[in-house]
Amino acid sequence: MSCPVSKYGEVINQGTRSVISRRYHTVTAAINREFWNISSDVQNSIYVGSYGRNTAIDTSDIDILVSLPEQSYNQYAYARGNGQSRLLQAVRQAILTTYRTSDVRADGQVVKIAFSDGIHFEILPAFENWDGTYRYPDTNMGGNWRSTNPKAEQEAMAQKNRSSNGLLNDTCRHLRNVRDYCYGSYHLSGIVIDSFVYNAIGGWRWTPPGESSSAAAGDYESALLNYFNQHATWGKMTLFAPGSNQLVATEQSIDCLSKVLNHIAR
């Protein structure tokens, strides 16, 4: 039985979005009090990840980038030992001042908050560069700093979604839904899904009202699978993130991506 992409499918309901928004503002306020000494609950933070790219579904983690002052970078970047780990712990402590009973822990590059209702937040502390990119801590391998450009990714995704009449976001959400409910024991990252669809979608789009489509049912899903088969060799695929053109790690996601694409195209 086929599992085609549907229009406006897998959209997060307004009630859940309201809860996410309230917690986003609460986390932002806690970080601003500790690091910026201001009371704002909107400054110095943005949604990133799938929620920021508008491709999240109701099982997705909510990723927030919190921008910290440059003096904090100097404090932790040049600290003896793993300054990246110390920075994550400082952010964790700031969040715990508000969410005292929640499960809040530092993990690799982010601070994770697991709420009792199943919504998970991941907080990425970062420092903005002059060109709009950000430096963020990675506590692995003794600690180092990595770069990300989420605004460029969001802008590229939004532009491609508009040109495809919403097909891009609908496809990304659909692949997440199939992953979660059919292949939950496998790994398939959100950035792999979004980068793959962004590159594979080509000129496909939802047919505007009043126009007729020459494509038969299933043609689009087959086109995505064909793109995968043409570009995945020996279990590997080279993908670059939309807008930022940063190389995306695909090794652990290729197997599940193949299963998901075969599932929707069969």
C-alpha atoms as a PDB file:
ATOM      1  CA  MET A   1       0.000   0.000   0.000  1.00  0.00           C
ATOM      2  CA  SER A   2       1.382   3.410  -0.955  1.00  0.00           C
ATOM      3  CA  CYS A   3       2.124   6.161   1.566  1.00  0.00           C
ATOM      4  CA  PRO A   4       2.136   9.384  -0.453  1.00  0.00           C
ATOM      5  CA  VAL A   5       3.029  12.857   0.737  1.00  0.00           C
ATOM      6  CA  SER A   6      -0.081  14.778   1.762  1.00  0.00           C
ATOM      7  CA  LYS A   7      -0.728  18.494   1.652  1.00  0.00           C
ATOM      8  CA  TYR A   8      -0.535  20.244   5.043  1.00  0.00           C
ATOM      9  CA  GLY A   9       0.144  16.914   6.744  1.00  0.00           C
ATOM     10  CA  GLU A  10       1.755  16.357  10.168  1.00  0.00           C
ATOM     11  CA  VAL A  11       1.311  19.975  11.299  1.00  0.00           C
ATOM     12  CA  ILE A  12       1.887  20.676  15.011  1.00  0.00           C
ATOM     13  CA  ASN A  13      -1.377  21.780  16.610  1.00  0.00           C
ATOM     14  CA  GLN A  14      -1.814  25.254  18.050  1.00  0.00           C
ATOM     15  CA  GLY A  15      -2.077  24.046  21.643  1.00  0.00           C
ATOM     16  CA  THR A  16       1.336  22.403  21.477  1.00  0.00           C
ATOM     17  CA  ARG A  17       2.803  25.457  19.755  1.00  0.00           C
ATOM     18  CA  SER A  18       1.538  27.650  22.589  1.00  0.00           C
ATOM     19  CA  VAL A  19       3.275  25.436  25.158  1.00  0.00           C
ATOM     20  CA  ILE A  20       6.482  25.503  23.117  1.00  0.00           C
ATOM     21  CA  SER A  21       6.334  29.289  22.832  1.00  0.00           C
ATOM     22  CA  ARG A  22       5.823  29.761  26.570  1.00  0.00           C
ATOM     23  CA  ARG A  23       8.799  27.551  27.399  1.00  0.00           C
ATOM     24  CA  TYR A  24      10.930  29.219  24.739  1.00  0.00           C
ATOM     25  CA  HIS A  25      10.353  32.599  26.368  1.00  0.00           C
ATOM     26  CA  THR A  26      11.016  31.177  29.840  1.00  0.00           C
ATOM     27  CA  VAL A  27      14.347  29.652  28.787  1.00  0.00           C
ATOM     28  CA  THR A  28      15.339  32.843  26.964  1.00  0.00           C
ATOM     29  CA  ALA A  29      14.594  34.958  30.038  1.00  0.00           C
ATOM     30  CA  ALA A  30      16.670  32.666  32.264  1.00  0.00           C
ATOM     31  CA  ILE A  31      19.684  32.842  29.934  1.00  0.00           C
ATOM     32  CA  ASN A  32      19.396  36.622  29.541  1.00  0.00           C
ATOM     33  CA  ARG A  33      19.283  37.155  33.309  1.00  0.00           C
ATOM     34  CA  GLU A  34      22.397  35.058  33.890  1.00  0.00           C
ATOM     35  CA  PHE A  35      24.572  36.034  30.932  1.00  0.00           C
ATOM     36  CA  TRP A  36      23.314  39.448  29.777  1.00  0.00           C
ATOM     37  CA  ASN A  37      21.890  40.851  33.037  1.00  0.00           C
ATOM     38  CA  ILE A  38      18.670  41.858  31.275  1.00  0.00           C
ATOM     39  CA  SER A  39      15.041  40.808  31.793  1.00  0.00           C
ATOM     40  CA  SER A  40      14.067  40.254  28.131  1.00  0.00           C
ATOM     41  CA  ASP A  41      12.431  36.963  27.155  1.00  0.00           C
ATOM     42  CA  VAL A  42      12.849  37.550  23.418  1.00  0.00           C
ATOM     43  CA  GLN A  43      16.361  38.908  22.824  1.00  0.00           C
ATOM     44  CA  ASN A  44      19.386  36.738  21.998  1.00  0.00           C
ATOM     45  CA  SER A  45      17.569  33.541  21.017  1.00  0.00           C
ATOM     46  CA  ILE A  46      16.109  31.936  17.910  1.00  0.00           C
ATOM     47  CA  TYR A  47      14.439  28.666  17.051  1.00  0.00           C
ATOM     48  CA  VAL A  48      16.786  26.431  15.082  1.00  0.00           C
ATOM     49  CA  GLY A  49      16.698  22.804  13.929  1.00  0.00           C
ATOM     50  CA  SER A  50      13.525  21.425  12.390  1.00  0.00           C
ATOM     51  CA  TYR A  51      11.273  23.795  14.343  1.00  0.00           C
ATOM     52  CA  GLY A  52      13.222  26.780  13.044  1.00  0.00           C
ATOM     53  CA  ARG A  53      13.128  25.392   9.487  1.00  0.00           C
ATOM     54  CA  ASN A  54       9.361  24.767   9.818  1.00  0.00           C
ATOM     55  CA  THR A  55       9.720  21.047   9.144  1.00  0.00           C
ATOM     56  CA  ALA A  56       9.054  19.725  12.654  1.00  0.00           C
ATOM     57  CA  ILE A  57       6.254  17.354  13.634  1.00  0.00           C
ATOM     58  CA  ASP A  58       4.782  16.770  17.080  1.00  0.00           C
ATOM     59  CA  THR A  59       7.498  14.231  17.997  1.00  0.00           C
ATOM     60  CA  SER A  60      10.368  16.572  17.092  1.00  0.00           C
ATOM     61  CA  ASP A  61      12.744  18.060  19.640  1.00  0.00           C
ATOM     62  CA  ILE A  62      12.575  21.845  19.950  1.00  0.00           C
ATOM     63  CA  ASP A  63      15.992  23.383  19.293  1.00  0.00           C
ATOM     64  CA  ILE A  64      16.873  26.872  20.516  1.00  0.00           C
ATOM     65  CA  LEU A  65      20.076  28.778  19.861  1.00  0.00           C
ATOM     66  CA  VAL A  66      20.876  31.241  22.643  1.00  0.00           C
ATOM     67  CA  SER A  67      23.419  33.896  21.754  1.00  0.00           C
ATOM     68  CA  LEU A  68      25.826  34.747  24.584  1.00  0.00           C
ATOM     69  CA  PRO A  69      28.052  37.823  25.054  1.00  0.00           C
ATOM     70  CA  GLU A  70      31.591  37.731  23.687  1.00  0.00           C
ATOM     71  CA  GLN A  71      33.119  38.066  27.141  1.00  0.00           C
ATOM     72  CA  SER A  72      31.610  34.697  28.020  1.00  0.00           C
ATOM     73  CA  TYR A  73      33.398  33.177  25.030  1.00  0.00           C
ATOM     74  CA  ASN A  74      36.689  34.634  26.259  1.00  0.00           C
ATOM     75  CA  GLN A  75      35.983  33.288  29.721  1.00  0.00           C
ATOM     76  CA  TYR A  76      35.379  29.707  28.612  1.00  0.00           C
ATOM     77  CA  ALA A  77      37.432  29.437  25.409  1.00  0.00           C
ATOM     78  CA  TYR A  78      40.677  30.153  27.215  1.00  0.00           C
ATOM     79  CA  ALA A  79      39.892  28.323  30.437  1.00  0.00           C
ATOM     80  CA  ARG A  80      42.160  25.476  31.449  1.00  0.00           C
ATOM     81  CA  GLY A  81      40.639  22.089  30.710  1.00  0.00           C
ATOM     82  CA  ASN A  82      37.364  21.583  28.868  1.00  0.00           C
ATOM     83  CA  GLY A  83      35.926  25.106  28.823  1.00  0.00           C
ATOM     84  CA  GLN A  84      33.147  23.946  26.508  1.00  0.00           C
ATOM     85  CA  SER A  85      31.883  21.578  29.194  1.00  0.00           C
ATOM     86  CA  ARG A  86      32.022  24.339  31.801  1.00  0.00           C
ATOM     87  CA  LEU A  87      29.983  26.603  29.533  1.00  0.00           C
ATOM     88  CA  LEU A  88      27.263  23.988  29.105  1.00  0.00           C
ATOM     89  CA  GLN A  89      27.144  23.510  32.860  1.00  0.00           C
ATOM     90  CA  ALA A  90      26.763  27.268  33.378  1.00  0.00           C
ATOM     91  CA  VAL A  91      23.849  27.327  30.919  1.00  0.00           C
ATOM     92  CA  ARG A  92      22.344  24.295  32.652  1.00  0.00           C
ATOM     93  CA  GLN A  93      22.515  26.030  36.020  1.00  0.00           C
ATOM     94  CA  ALA A  94      20.834  29.141  34.582  1.00  0.00           C
ATOM     95  CA  ILE A  95      17.943  27.015  33.283  1.00  0.00           C
ATOM     96  CA  LEU A  96      17.627  25.153  36.587  1.00  0.00           C
ATOM     97  CA  THR A  97      16.843  28.438  38.357  1.00  0.00           C
ATOM     98  CA  THR A  98      13.482  28.300  36.557  1.00  0.00           C
ATOM     99  CA  TYR A  99      12.930  24.613  35.808  1.00  0.00           C
ATOM    100  CA  ARG A 100      14.063  23.180  39.158  1.00  0.00           C
ATOM    101  CA  THR A 101      12.119  19.920  38.920  1.00  0.00           C
ATOM    102  CA  SER A 102      12.697  19.174  35.233  1.00  0.00           C
ATOM    103  CA  ASP A 103      15.307  16.781  33.842  1.00  0.00           C
ATOM    104  CA  VAL A 104      17.988  19.234  32.665  1.00  0.00           C
ATOM    105  CA  ARG A 105      21.356  17.887  31.543  1.00  0.00           C
ATOM    106  CA  ALA A 106      24.350  18.879  29.445  1.00  0.00           C
ATOM    107  CA  ASP A 107      25.011  16.545  26.538  1.00  0.00           C
ATOM    108  CA  GLY A 108      27.811  17.044  24.021  1.00  0.00           C
ATOM    109  CA  GLN A 109      26.882  20.320  22.344  1.00  0.00           C
ATOM    110  CA  VAL A 110      23.583  21.216  23.974  1.00  0.00           C
ATOM    111  CA  VAL A 111      21.659  21.406  27.220  1.00  0.00           C
ATOM    112  CA  LYS A 112      18.626  19.130  27.090  1.00  0.00           C
ATOM    113  CA  ILE A 113      15.352  19.649  28.931  1.00  0.00           C
ATOM    114  CA  ALA A 114      12.961  16.694  29.094  1.00  0.00           C
ATOM    115  CA  PHE A 115       9.491  17.833  30.141  1.00  0.00           C
ATOM    116  CA  SER A 116       7.000  15.428  31.679  1.00  0.00           C
ATOM    117  CA  ASP A 117       4.535  15.900  28.795  1.00  0.00           C
ATOM    118  CA  GLY A 118       7.033  14.443  26.304  1.00  0.00           C
ATOM    119  CA  ILE A 119       8.226  17.699  24.755  1.00  0.00           C
ATOM    120  CA  HIS A 120      12.028  17.883  24.658  1.00  0.00           C
ATOM    121  CA  PHE A 121      14.067  21.061  24.280  1.00  0.00           C
ATOM    122  CA  GLU A 122      17.704  21.270  23.224  1.00  0.00           C
ATOM    123  CA  ILE A 123      19.484  24.538  24.041  1.00  0.00           C
ATOM    124  CA  LEU A 124      22.565  25.426  21.975  1.00  0.00           C
ATOM    125  CA  PRO A 125      24.679  28.214  23.515  1.00  0.00           C
ATOM    126  CA  ALA A 126      26.563  30.111  20.815  1.00  0.00           C
ATOM    127  CA  PHE A 127      28.474  33.266  19.970  1.00  0.00           C
ATOM    128  CA  GLU A 128      27.587  35.298  16.890  1.00  0.00           C
ATOM    129  CA  ASN A 129      30.291  36.112  14.352  1.00  0.00           C
ATOM    130  CA  TRP A 130      30.421  39.242  12.199  1.00  0.00           C
ATOM    131  CA  ASP A 131      29.040  37.350   9.155  1.00  0.00           C
ATOM    132  CA  GLY A 132      25.941  35.981  10.892  1.00  0.00           C
ATOM    133  CA  THR A 133      27.386  32.540  11.599  1.00  0.00           C
ATOM    134  CA  TYR A 134      27.787  31.242  15.144  1.00  0.00           C
ATOM    135  CA  ARG A 135      30.460  29.459  17.182  1.00  0.00           C
ATOM    136  CA  TYR A 136      29.155  26.810  19.541  1.00  0.00           C
ATOM    137  CA  PRO A 137      30.818  24.439  22.022  1.00  0.00           C
ATOM    138  CA  ASP A 138      31.453  20.751  21.483  1.00  0.00           C
ATOM    139  CA  THR A 139      32.563  18.991  24.657  1.00  0.00           C
ATOM    140  CA  ASN A 140      33.715  15.836  22.856  1.00  0.00           C
ATOM    141  CA  MET A 141      37.378  14.934  22.278  1.00  0.00           C
ATOM    142  CA  GLY A 142      38.594  17.315  24.968  1.00  0.00           C
ATOM    143  CA  GLY A 143      36.467  20.231  23.773  1.00  0.00           C
ATOM    144  CA  ASN A 144      36.468  22.393  20.660  1.00  0.00           C
ATOM    145  CA  TRP A 145      34.384  25.009  18.851  1.00  0.00           C
ATOM    146  CA  ARG A 146      32.227  24.392  15.786  1.00  0.00           C
ATOM    147  CA  SER A 147      30.410  26.681  13.363  1.00  0.00           C
ATOM    148  CA  THR A 148      26.775  26.837  12.281  1.00  0.00           C
ATOM    149  CA  ASN A 149      24.682  29.122  10.082  1.00  0.00           C
ATOM    150  CA  PRO A 150      21.028  28.436  10.919  1.00  0.00           C
ATOM    151  CA  LYS A 151      19.653  31.702   9.519  1.00  0.00           C
ATOM    152  CA  ALA A 152      21.006  30.933   6.041  1.00  0.00           C
ATOM    153  CA  GLU A 153      19.484  27.446   6.235  1.00  0.00           C
ATOM    154  CA  GLN A 154      16.108  28.802   7.289  1.00  0.00           C
ATOM    155  CA  GLU A 155      16.069  31.408   4.523  1.00  0.00           C
ATOM    156  CA  ALA A 156      16.976  28.834   1.852  1.00  0.00           C
ATOM    157  CA  MET A 157      14.343  26.399   3.077  1.00  0.00           C
ATOM    158  CA  ALA A 158      11.668  29.100   3.201  1.00  0.00           C
ATOM    159  CA  GLN A 159      12.446  30.242  -0.335  1.00  0.00           C
ATOM    160  CA  LYS A 160      12.364  26.691  -1.748  1.00  0.00           C
ATOM    161  CA  ASN A 161       9.146  25.975   0.146  1.00  0.00           C
ATOM    162  CA  ARG A 162       7.489  29.020  -1.413  1.00  0.00           C
ATOM    163  CA  SER A 163       8.581  28.032  -4.928  1.00  0.00           C
ATOM    164  CA  SER A 164       7.242  24.511  -4.386  1.00  0.00           C
ATOM    165  CA  ASN A 165       3.904  25.824  -3.061  1.00  0.00           C
ATOM    166  CA  GLY A 166       4.555  24.157   0.307  1.00  0.00           C
ATOM    167  CA  LEU A 167       5.627  20.759  -1.045  1.00  0.00           C
ATOM    168  CA  LEU A 168       9.115  21.002   0.495  1.00  0.00           C
ATOM    169  CA  ASN A 169       7.930  21.329   4.090  1.00  0.00           C
ATOM    170  CA  ASP A 170       5.120  18.816   3.623  1.00  0.00           C
ATOM    171  CA  THR A 171       7.616  16.258   2.310  1.00  0.00           C
ATOM    172  CA  CYS A 172      10.089  16.821   5.138  1.00  0.00           C
ATOM    173  CA  ARG A 173       7.345  16.403   7.734  1.00  0.00           C
ATOM    174  CA  HIS A 174       6.008  13.298   6.010  1.00  0.00           C
ATOM    175  CA  LEU A 175       9.416  11.605   6.007  1.00  0.00           C
ATOM    176  CA  ARG A 176       9.756  12.346   9.726  1.00  0.00           C
ATOM    177  CA  ASN A 177       6.340  10.835  10.378  1.00  0.00           C
ATOM    178  CA  VAL A 178       7.167   7.648   8.469  1.00  0.00           C
ATOM    179  CA  ARG A 179      10.539   7.442  10.253  1.00  0.00           C
ATOM    180  CA  ASP A 180       8.984   7.762  13.698  1.00  0.00           C
ATOM    181  CA  TYR A 181       6.038   5.430  13.251  1.00  0.00           C
ATOM    182  CA  CYS A 182       7.504   2.798  10.918  1.00  0.00           C
ATOM    183  CA  TYR A 183      11.248   2.777  11.585  1.00  0.00           C
ATOM    184  CA  GLY A 184      11.559   4.092  15.117  1.00  0.00           C
ATOM    185  CA  SER A 185      14.499   1.823  15.977  1.00  0.00           C
ATOM    186  CA  TYR A 186      16.630   3.366  13.199  1.00  0.00           C
ATOM    187  CA  HIS A 187      18.484   6.680  13.150  1.00  0.00           C
ATOM    188  CA  LEU A 188      17.624   9.389  10.629  1.00  0.00           C
ATOM    189  CA  SER A 189      18.520  12.962  11.560  1.00  0.00           C
ATOM    190  CA  GLY A 190      16.297  15.905  10.725  1.00  0.00           C
ATOM    191  CA  ILE A 191      19.034  17.814   8.913  1.00  0.00           C
ATOM    192  CA  VAL A 192      19.610  14.796   6.645  1.00  0.00           C
ATOM    193  CA  ILE A 193      15.896  14.706   5.806  1.00  0.00           C
ATOM    194  CA  ASP A 194      15.693  18.432   5.094  1.00  0.00           C
ATOM    195  CA  SER A 195      18.940  18.577   3.113  1.00  0.00           C
ATOM    196  CA  PHE A 196      17.974  15.541   1.053  1.00  0.00           C
ATOM    197  CA  VAL A 197      14.500  16.823   0.164  1.00  0.00           C
ATOM    198  CA  TYR A 198      15.849  20.309  -0.565  1.00  0.00           C
ATOM    199  CA  ASN A 199      18.252  18.822  -3.133  1.00  0.00           C
ATOM    200  CA  ALA A 200      16.000  16.067  -4.476  1.00  0.00           C
ATOM    201  CA  ILE A 201      12.800  18.050  -4.972  1.00  0.00           C
ATOM    202  CA  GLY A 202      13.991  19.717  -8.183  1.00  0.00           C
ATOM    203  CA  GLY A 203      11.097  21.479  -9.901  1.00  0.00           C
ATOM    204  CA  TRP A 204       8.326  19.524  -8.196  1.00  0.00           C
ATOM    205  CA  ARG A 205       5.605  21.573  -6.538  1.00  0.00           C
ATOM    206  CA  TRP A 206       2.040  21.334  -5.383  1.00  0.00           C
ATOM    207  CA  THR A 207      -0.273  22.178  -8.271  1.00  0.00           C
ATOM    208  CA  PRO A 208      -1.861  25.610  -7.687  1.00  0.00           C
ATOM    209  CA  PRO A 209      -5.663  25.875  -7.628  1.00  0.00           C
ATOM    210  CA  GLY A 210      -7.095  26.037 -11.124  1.00  0.00           C
ATOM    211  CA  GLU A 211      -4.168  24.189 -12.721  1.00  0.00           C
ATOM    212  CA  SER A 212      -4.030  20.518 -13.659  1.00  0.00           C
ATOM    213  CA  SER A 213      -1.087  18.222 -13.022  1.00  0.00           C
ATOM    214  CA  SER A 214       0.448  15.938 -15.626  1.00  0.00           C
ATOM    215  CA  ALA A 215       2.018  13.719 -12.942  1.00  0.00           C
ATOM    216  CA  ALA A 216       0.364  10.475 -11.950  1.00  0.00           C
ATOM    217  CA  ALA A 217      -0.112   9.437  -8.347  1.00  0.00           C
ATOM    218  CA  GLY A 218       3.184   8.181  -6.945  1.00  0.00           C
ATOM    219  CA  ASP A 219       5.404   9.865  -9.544  1.00  0.00           C
ATOM    220  CA  TYR A 220       6.793  12.364  -7.048  1.00  0.00           C
ATOM    221  CA  GLU A 221       7.586   9.746  -4.422  1.00  0.00           C
ATOM    222  CA  SER A 222       9.279   7.614  -7.094  1.00  0.00           C
ATOM    223  CA  ALA A 223      11.319  10.630  -8.201  1.00  0.00           C
ATOM    224  CA  LEU A 224      12.637  11.077  -4.652  1.00  0.00           C
ATOM    225  CA  LEU A 225      13.614   7.420  -4.479  1.00  0.00           C
ATOM    226  CA  ASN A 226      15.290   7.603  -7.891  1.00  0.00           C
ATOM    227  CA  TYR A 227      17.306  10.623  -6.774  1.00  0.00           C
ATOM    228  CA  PHE A 228      18.439   8.701  -3.714  1.00  0.00           C
ATOM    229  CA  ASN A 229      19.433   5.654  -5.753  1.00  0.00           C
ATOM    230  CA  GLN A 230      21.405   7.817  -8.169  1.00  0.00           C
ATOM    231  CA  HIS A 231      23.328   9.677  -5.446  1.00  0.00           C
ATOM    232  CA  ALA A 232      23.801   7.068  -2.725  1.00  0.00           C
ATOM    233  CA  THR A 233      26.739   4.792  -3.483  1.00  0.00           C
ATOM    234  CA  TRP A 234      28.193   2.100  -1.239  1.00  0.00           C
ATOM    235  CA  GLY A 235      25.965   3.221   1.603  1.00  0.00           C
ATOM    236  CA  LYS A 236      27.203   6.800   1.446  1.00  0.00           C
ATOM    237  CA  MET A 237      25.764  10.082   0.221  1.00  0.00           C
ATOM    238  CA  THR A 238      27.266  13.558   0.130  1.00  0.00           C
ATOM    239  CA  LEU A 239      24.796  16.201   1.260  1.00  0.00           C
ATOM    240  CA  PHE A 240      25.211  19.907   1.965  1.00  0.00           C
ATOM    241  CA  ALA A 241      22.842  21.854   4.174  1.00  0.00           C
ATOM    242  CA  PRO A 242      20.582  24.373   2.403  1.00  0.00           C
ATOM    243  CA  GLY A 243      21.868  27.926   2.442  1.00  0.00           C
ATOM    244  CA  SER A 244      24.890  27.329   4.666  1.00  0.00           C
ATOM    245  CA  ASN A 245      26.354  24.679   2.325  1.00  0.00           C
ATOM    246  CA  GLN A 246      27.869  22.936   5.338  1.00  0.00           C
ATOM    247  CA  LEU A 247      28.638  19.252   4.898  1.00  0.00           C
ATOM    248  CA  VAL A 248      25.986  17.086   6.550  1.00  0.00           C
ATOM    249  CA  ALA A 249      26.962  13.856   8.310  1.00  0.00           C
ATOM    250  CA  THR A 250      24.923  11.125   6.599  1.00  0.00           C
ATOM    251  CA  GLU A 251      26.632   7.851   7.518  1.00  0.00           C
ATOM    252  CA  GLN A 252      24.287   6.869  10.352  1.00  0.00           C
ATOM    253  CA  SER A 253      21.141   8.007   8.508  1.00  0.00           C
ATOM    254  CA  ILE A 254      21.468   6.473   5.045  1.00  0.00           C
ATOM    255  CA  ASP A 255      19.977   3.082   5.906  1.00  0.00           C
ATOM    256  CA  CYS A 256      16.840   4.568   7.444  1.00  0.00           C
ATOM    257  CA  LEU A 257      16.471   7.179   4.697  1.00  0.00           C
ATOM    258  CA  SER A 258      16.491   4.358   2.142  1.00  0.00           C
ATOM    259  CA  LYS A 259      13.799   2.476   4.053  1.00  0.00           C
ATOM    260  CA  VAL A 260      11.604   5.569   4.395  1.00  0.00           C
ATOM    261  CA  LEU A 261      11.861   6.468   0.704  1.00  0.00           C
ATOM    262  CA  ASN A 262      11.118   2.916  -0.391  1.00  0.00           C
ATOM    263  CA  HIS A 263       8.151   2.872   1.989  1.00  0.00           C
ATOM    264  CA  ILE A 264       6.504   5.972   0.502  1.00  0.00           C
ATOM    265  CA  ALA A 265       7.255   4.963  -3.111  1.00  0.00           C
ATOM    266  CA  ARG A 266       6.081   1.349  -3.063  1.00  0.00           C
END
